[in-house]
């Protein structure tokens, strides 16, 4: 029996890691050189988000979830407190895999714009190149270091734990979280070949700010008081925001039209204080590491002037 419960805990943890994610796209694969005017870049990235805050909640989340289901007819706030704390941690910065498809277009000299579909989130951004040439391999400019700065916006919603198929917990917690994120990368790169024909090595710093709205609308959840007094827990909504600070390193390796793009980003953030049903508060902070591997294709680069 104990082995079955442990297997259930492991399975629930995997589901939480894969399904409960509601995080911004923080994979940085850009170089200091923006897409040349009138050209396109098309790409795909696969990443793994490793965040220390939700990892610290693993045991409490799984045990509380098992107990909640076992005692679904008599659930009290004390029974599911670790679960609610863990769900908040996971949804703020989930541990698990993610994938993203993106398209970039050179709008004008030194400015490109992009769209990214990242694990259910729609991401829009623009980059401005303030350093280096703006040519192509067919029409190269002067050699030297490239530098650019960008602005990225994304928004996403998460509903927990109904996505996991746990109807009992869904009716108990009715947890929802939505977020909007702004990310500002400062990127420098060194070209491999003329105008990154063979690729590049890129590095830089990142600042991001996240705006969180979360809440619980519990159904059959109660709180015990002294002298056997029982009170139903009321719906609760709240807002929070926090900043993240990071650094990254990536490479683009290939030739002319197709490239492999390995990358790694590291962030630190204090997520802030999150109230649970307006009765308790929990602070989260930690480090997040995001390794990724992707493919990138250049389109329309072959015409000489």
Protein backbone atom coordinates (compact mmCIF):
# COMPACT_ATOMS: atom_id res chain seq x y z
CA UNK A 1 0.00 0.00 0.00
CA UNK A 2 2.80 2.39 0.91
CA UNK A 3 4.46 1.67 -2.44
CA UNK A 4 1.21 2.50 -4.28
CA UNK A 5 0.95 5.82 -2.43
CA UNK A 6 4.57 6.67 -3.30
CA UNK A 7 3.88 5.85 -6.96
CA UNK A 8 0.82 8.09 -6.85
CA UNK A 9 2.91 10.88 -5.31
CA UNK A 10 5.52 10.55 -8.05
CA UNK A 11 2.87 10.52 -10.78
CA UNK A 12 1.16 13.58 -9.33
CA UNK A 13 4.47 15.40 -9.13
CA UNK A 14 5.21 14.68 -12.80
CA UNK A 15 1.74 15.94 -13.77
CA UNK A 16 2.19 19.08 -11.70
CA UNK A 17 5.58 19.76 -13.28
CA UNK A 18 4.28 19.31 -16.82
CA UNK A 19 0.81 20.84 -16.59
CA UNK A 20 0.70 23.51 -13.91
CA UNK A 21 3.25 25.80 -15.46
CA UNK A 22 2.36 29.42 -15.82
CA UNK A 23 5.65 31.18 -16.41
CA UNK A 24 7.12 33.72 -18.76
CA UNK A 25 9.36 32.71 -21.67
CA UNK A 26 12.88 33.25 -20.31
CA UNK A 27 14.95 31.36 -22.86
CA UNK A 28 17.37 33.90 -24.37
CA UNK A 29 18.63 32.87 -27.82
CA UNK A 30 19.04 36.36 -29.30
CA UNK A 31 22.36 37.76 -30.47
CA UNK A 32 23.57 41.35 -30.40
CA UNK A 33 22.81 41.56 -34.11
CA UNK A 34 19.12 41.97 -34.99
CA UNK A 35 17.45 40.48 -38.06
CA UNK A 36 18.43 42.56 -41.14
CA UNK A 37 15.69 44.68 -42.68
CA UNK A 38 13.28 42.63 -44.79
CA UNK A 39 14.70 39.27 -43.61
CA UNK A 40 13.15 36.55 -41.45
CA UNK A 41 14.31 34.14 -38.75
CA UNK A 42 12.29 31.05 -37.89
CA UNK A 43 13.12 28.85 -34.92
CA UNK A 44 12.23 26.27 -32.29
CA UNK A 45 13.57 25.87 -28.74
CA UNK A 46 13.16 23.12 -26.17
CA UNK A 47 14.00 24.12 -22.59
CA UNK A 48 13.97 22.75 -19.07
CA UNK A 49 13.02 25.06 -16.21
CA UNK A 50 14.81 24.21 -12.94
CA UNK A 51 13.51 26.40 -10.11
CA UNK A 52 14.57 25.92 -6.48
CA UNK A 53 11.39 27.38 -4.93
CA UNK A 54 8.94 24.70 -6.18
CA UNK A 55 11.50 21.93 -5.66
CA UNK A 56 11.44 22.74 -1.95
CA UNK A 57 7.67 22.09 -1.92
CA UNK A 58 7.70 18.61 -3.54
CA UNK A 59 7.12 16.45 -0.47
CA UNK A 60 4.43 18.65 1.06
CA UNK A 61 2.54 18.96 -2.23
CA UNK A 62 2.32 15.23 -2.90
CA UNK A 63 1.49 14.21 0.65
CA UNK A 64 -1.19 16.88 1.01
CA UNK A 65 -2.76 15.91 -2.32
CA UNK A 66 -3.00 12.26 -1.30
CA UNK A 67 -4.52 13.17 2.06
CA UNK A 68 -6.99 15.55 0.44
CA UNK A 69 -8.33 12.85 -1.87
CA UNK A 70 -8.45 10.25 0.89
CA UNK A 71 -10.49 12.58 3.13
CA UNK A 72 -12.59 14.38 0.54
CA UNK A 73 -15.74 14.27 2.72
CA UNK A 74 -14.20 16.21 5.61
CA UNK A 75 -11.67 18.71 4.35
CA UNK A 76 -10.34 21.55 6.44
CA UNK A 77 -7.91 24.36 5.71
CA UNK A 78 -5.24 22.70 7.85
CA UNK A 79 -5.45 19.56 5.68
CA UNK A 80 -4.66 21.34 2.41
CA UNK A 81 -2.39 24.18 3.55
CA UNK A 82 0.82 22.50 2.26
CA UNK A 83 -0.95 21.76 -1.02
CA UNK A 84 -2.01 25.37 -1.57
CA UNK A 85 1.50 26.61 -0.75
CA UNK A 86 3.02 24.10 -3.14
CA UNK A 87 0.59 24.89 -5.96
CA UNK A 88 1.47 28.57 -5.66
CA UNK A 89 5.19 27.78 -5.87
CA UNK A 90 4.74 25.53 -8.91
CA UNK A 91 2.52 27.93 -10.80
CA UNK A 92 4.83 30.88 -10.19
CA UNK A 93 7.91 29.10 -11.56
CA UNK A 94 7.21 25.51 -12.64
CA UNK A 95 9.83 22.79 -12.82
CA UNK A 96 9.56 20.99 -16.14
CA UNK A 97 10.02 21.07 -19.88
CA UNK A 98 8.76 23.74 -22.26
CA UNK A 99 8.88 24.38 -25.99
CA UNK A 100 8.52 27.45 -28.14
CA UNK A 101 8.21 28.39 -31.80
CA UNK A 102 9.20 31.85 -32.94
CA UNK A 103 9.34 34.11 -35.97
CA UNK A 104 11.39 37.31 -36.29
CA UNK A 105 11.32 40.00 -38.97
CA UNK A 106 13.71 42.87 -39.69
CA UNK A 107 11.36 45.84 -39.58
CA UNK A 108 13.81 48.68 -40.27
CA UNK A 109 17.60 48.97 -40.03
CA UNK A 110 18.65 48.12 -36.43
CA UNK A 111 15.14 47.07 -35.32
CA UNK A 112 13.46 43.68 -35.54
CA UNK A 113 10.20 42.39 -34.09
CA UNK A 114 9.18 38.90 -33.07
CA UNK A 115 6.33 36.62 -32.09
CA UNK A 116 6.75 33.50 -29.98
CA UNK A 117 4.32 30.77 -28.99
CA UNK A 118 5.76 29.35 -25.78
CA UNK A 119 3.90 26.45 -24.12
CA UNK A 120 0.51 28.14 -24.38
CA UNK A 121 1.69 31.73 -23.92
CA UNK A 122 1.73 34.41 -26.62
CA UNK A 123 4.94 36.44 -26.51
CA UNK A 124 5.70 39.67 -28.40
CA UNK A 125 9.00 41.51 -28.48
CA UNK A 126 11.21 44.02 -30.28
CA UNK A 127 15.00 44.46 -30.33
CA UNK A 128 17.08 47.57 -31.08
CA UNK A 129 20.69 47.16 -32.21
CA UNK A 130 22.85 49.98 -30.88
CA UNK A 131 26.27 48.52 -31.72
CA UNK A 132 27.79 46.86 -34.78
CA UNK A 133 27.10 46.50 -38.50
CA UNK A 134 23.68 45.75 -40.00
CA UNK A 135 24.71 43.83 -43.13
CA UNK A 136 24.24 40.21 -44.22
CA UNK A 137 26.81 37.54 -45.16
CA UNK A 138 26.16 38.40 -48.82
CA UNK A 139 26.60 42.13 -48.13
CA UNK A 140 28.82 42.34 -45.03
CA UNK A 141 29.57 45.47 -43.06
CA UNK A 142 32.57 46.32 -40.85
CA UNK A 143 33.64 43.65 -38.36
CA UNK A 144 33.31 44.15 -34.62
CA UNK A 145 31.17 43.51 -31.56
CA UNK A 146 27.38 43.57 -31.78
CA UNK A 147 25.05 44.89 -29.09
CA UNK A 148 21.28 45.19 -28.74
CA UNK A 149 18.56 45.76 -26.15
CA UNK A 150 15.02 44.43 -26.23
CA UNK A 151 11.57 44.55 -24.71
CA UNK A 152 9.38 41.43 -24.40
CA UNK A 153 5.77 41.13 -23.22
CA UNK A 154 3.80 37.97 -22.48
CA UNK A 155 0.59 36.96 -20.72
CA UNK A 156 -0.77 33.62 -19.57
CA UNK A 157 -3.45 32.00 -17.42
CA UNK A 158 -3.25 28.86 -15.28
CA UNK A 159 -6.09 26.89 -13.71
CA UNK A 160 -5.20 24.39 -11.01
CA UNK A 161 -5.68 21.61 -10.26
CA UNK A 162 -8.52 20.91 -12.72
CA UNK A 163 -5.93 20.47 -15.48
CA UNK A 164 -4.63 17.45 -13.58
CA UNK A 165 -7.97 15.68 -13.72
CA UNK A 166 -8.28 15.69 -9.94
CA UNK A 167 -11.95 16.63 -9.69
CA UNK A 168 -12.02 16.43 -5.90
CA UNK A 169 -9.23 18.97 -5.50
CA UNK A 170 -10.68 21.15 -8.25
CA UNK A 171 -14.00 21.50 -6.44
CA UNK A 172 -12.21 22.14 -3.15
CA UNK A 173 -9.70 24.82 -4.19
CA UNK A 174 -10.82 26.27 -7.56
CA UNK A 175 -7.38 27.85 -7.85
CA UNK A 176 -6.61 30.30 -10.66
CA UNK A 177 -3.54 32.33 -11.52
CA UNK A 178 -2.85 34.79 -14.33
CA UNK A 179 0.31 36.71 -15.06
CA UNK A 180 1.77 39.38 -17.27
CA UNK A 181 5.53 39.63 -17.73
CA UNK A 182 7.91 42.24 -19.10
CA UNK A 183 11.46 41.15 -19.90
CA UNK A 184 14.39 43.39 -20.94
CA UNK A 185 17.52 41.63 -22.30
CA UNK A 186 20.83 43.40 -22.93
CA UNK A 187 22.75 41.30 -25.47
CA UNK A 188 26.31 41.37 -26.79
CA UNK A 189 27.72 38.96 -29.35
CA UNK A 190 30.86 38.05 -31.26
CA UNK A 191 30.37 36.94 -34.87
CA UNK A 192 31.71 33.67 -36.23
CA UNK A 193 32.40 34.48 -39.87
CA UNK A 194 31.20 37.64 -41.65
CA UNK A 195 27.86 38.90 -40.27
CA UNK A 196 27.32 35.68 -38.27
CA UNK A 197 27.50 33.47 -41.37
CA UNK A 198 28.87 30.56 -39.30
CA UNK A 199 27.13 31.69 -36.13
CA UNK A 200 27.95 33.66 -32.99
CA UNK A 201 28.71 33.57 -29.29
CA UNK A 202 26.32 35.77 -27.27
CA UNK A 203 26.09 36.83 -23.64
CA UNK A 204 24.35 39.44 -21.53
CA UNK A 205 22.10 40.45 -18.65
CA UNK A 206 18.32 40.27 -18.20
CA UNK A 207 15.81 42.16 -16.08
CA UNK A 208 12.19 41.06 -15.88
CA UNK A 209 9.13 42.10 -13.91
CA UNK A 210 6.09 39.91 -13.32
CA UNK A 211 2.56 40.94 -12.35
CA UNK A 212 0.59 38.12 -10.72
CA UNK A 213 -3.13 37.80 -9.99
CA UNK A 214 -4.18 34.69 -8.11
CA UNK A 215 -7.03 33.39 -6.03
CA UNK A 216 -9.03 30.54 -4.57
CA UNK A 217 -12.80 30.04 -4.71
CA UNK A 218 -13.14 26.98 -2.47
CA UNK A 219 -16.25 24.86 -2.43
CA UNK A 220 -16.32 22.35 0.43
CA UNK A 221 -13.43 23.71 2.47
CA UNK A 222 -13.77 24.65 6.13
CA UNK A 223 -11.70 26.04 8.97
CA UNK A 224 -11.78 24.69 12.52
CA UNK A 225 -11.83 26.94 15.58
CA UNK A 226 -11.89 26.19 19.28
CA UNK A 227 -14.92 24.53 20.86
CA UNK A 228 -15.66 22.61 17.63
CA UNK A 229 -16.69 25.77 15.76
CA UNK A 230 -16.47 25.27 11.97
CA UNK A 231 -16.56 28.07 9.39
CA UNK A 232 -16.62 27.86 5.60
CA UNK A 233 -13.55 29.38 3.90
CA UNK A 234 -14.53 32.34 1.70
CA UNK A 235 -13.28 33.03 -1.86
CA UNK A 236 -10.07 35.04 -2.00
CA UNK A 237 -8.24 37.00 -4.73
CA UNK A 238 -4.99 38.93 -4.52
CA UNK A 239 -2.25 40.57 -6.61
CA UNK A 240 1.54 40.55 -6.33
CA UNK A 241 4.51 41.62 -8.44
CA UNK A 242 8.21 40.87 -8.35
CA UNK A 243 11.47 41.46 -10.22
CA UNK A 244 13.97 38.92 -11.57
CA UNK A 245 17.63 39.46 -12.36
CA UNK A 246 19.56 37.17 -14.67
CA UNK A 247 22.46 36.46 -16.97
CA UNK A 248 22.73 34.24 -20.02
CA UNK A 249 25.09 32.66 -22.53
CA UNK A 250 24.20 31.19 -25.91
CA UNK A 251 25.80 30.12 -29.17
CA UNK A 252 24.58 29.82 -32.75
CA UNK A 253 26.47 27.19 -34.74
CA UNK A 254 25.84 26.30 -38.37
CA UNK A 255 26.18 27.82 -41.81
CA UNK A 256 24.25 30.48 -43.68
CA UNK A 257 20.68 29.15 -43.45
CA UNK A 258 20.45 26.64 -40.57
CA UNK A 259 21.90 26.70 -37.06
CA UNK A 260 21.86 24.81 -33.77
CA UNK A 261 21.37 27.12 -30.78
CA UNK A 262 22.39 25.88 -27.29
CA UNK A 263 21.71 28.36 -24.47
CA UNK A 264 21.58 28.71 -20.70
CA UNK A 265 20.02 31.42 -18.52
CA UNK A 266 20.23 31.88 -14.74
CA UNK A 267 17.82 34.05 -12.72
CA UNK A 268 17.36 35.09 -9.12
CA UNK A 269 14.03 36.35 -7.82
CA UNK A 270 12.18 37.07 -4.61
CA UNK A 271 8.62 36.24 -5.64
CA UNK A 272 7.14 38.17 -2.70
CA UNK A 273 4.57 37.30 -0.05
CA UNK A 274 1.46 35.37 -1.09
CA UNK A 275 -1.62 35.21 1.08
CA UNK A 276 -3.60 31.98 1.24
CA UNK A 277 -7.34 32.53 1.67
CA UNK A 278 -6.48 35.82 3.39
CA UNK A 279 -5.62 33.86 6.52
CA UNK A 280 -1.97 32.90 6.06
CA UNK A 281 1.03 34.24 4.17
CA UNK A 282 3.98 32.54 2.48
CA UNK A 283 7.17 34.03 1.00
CA UNK A 284 8.95 32.44 -1.96
CA UNK A 285 12.41 33.16 -3.37
CA UNK A 286 15.06 31.23 -5.24
CA UNK A 287 17.24 30.64 -8.27
CA UNK A 288 16.02 29.42 -11.66
CA UNK A 289 18.25 27.76 -14.28
CA UNK A 290 16.95 27.44 -17.86
CA UNK A 291 19.09 25.33 -20.24
CA UNK A 292 17.76 25.01 -23.78
CA UNK A 293 18.56 23.64 -27.22
CA UNK A 294 17.05 24.91 -30.44
CA UNK A 295 17.15 25.26 -34.20
CA UNK A 296 17.13 28.50 -36.18
CA UNK A 297 16.65 29.13 -39.89
CA UNK A 298 17.44 32.29 -41.87
CA UNK A 299 15.02 33.18 -44.67
CA UNK A 300 15.65 35.63 -47.51
CA UNK A 301 19.36 36.11 -46.79
CA UNK A 302 20.81 35.03 -50.16
CA UNK A 303 20.29 38.09 -52.37
CA UNK A 304 23.26 40.31 -53.13
CA UNK A 305 22.84 43.99 -53.82
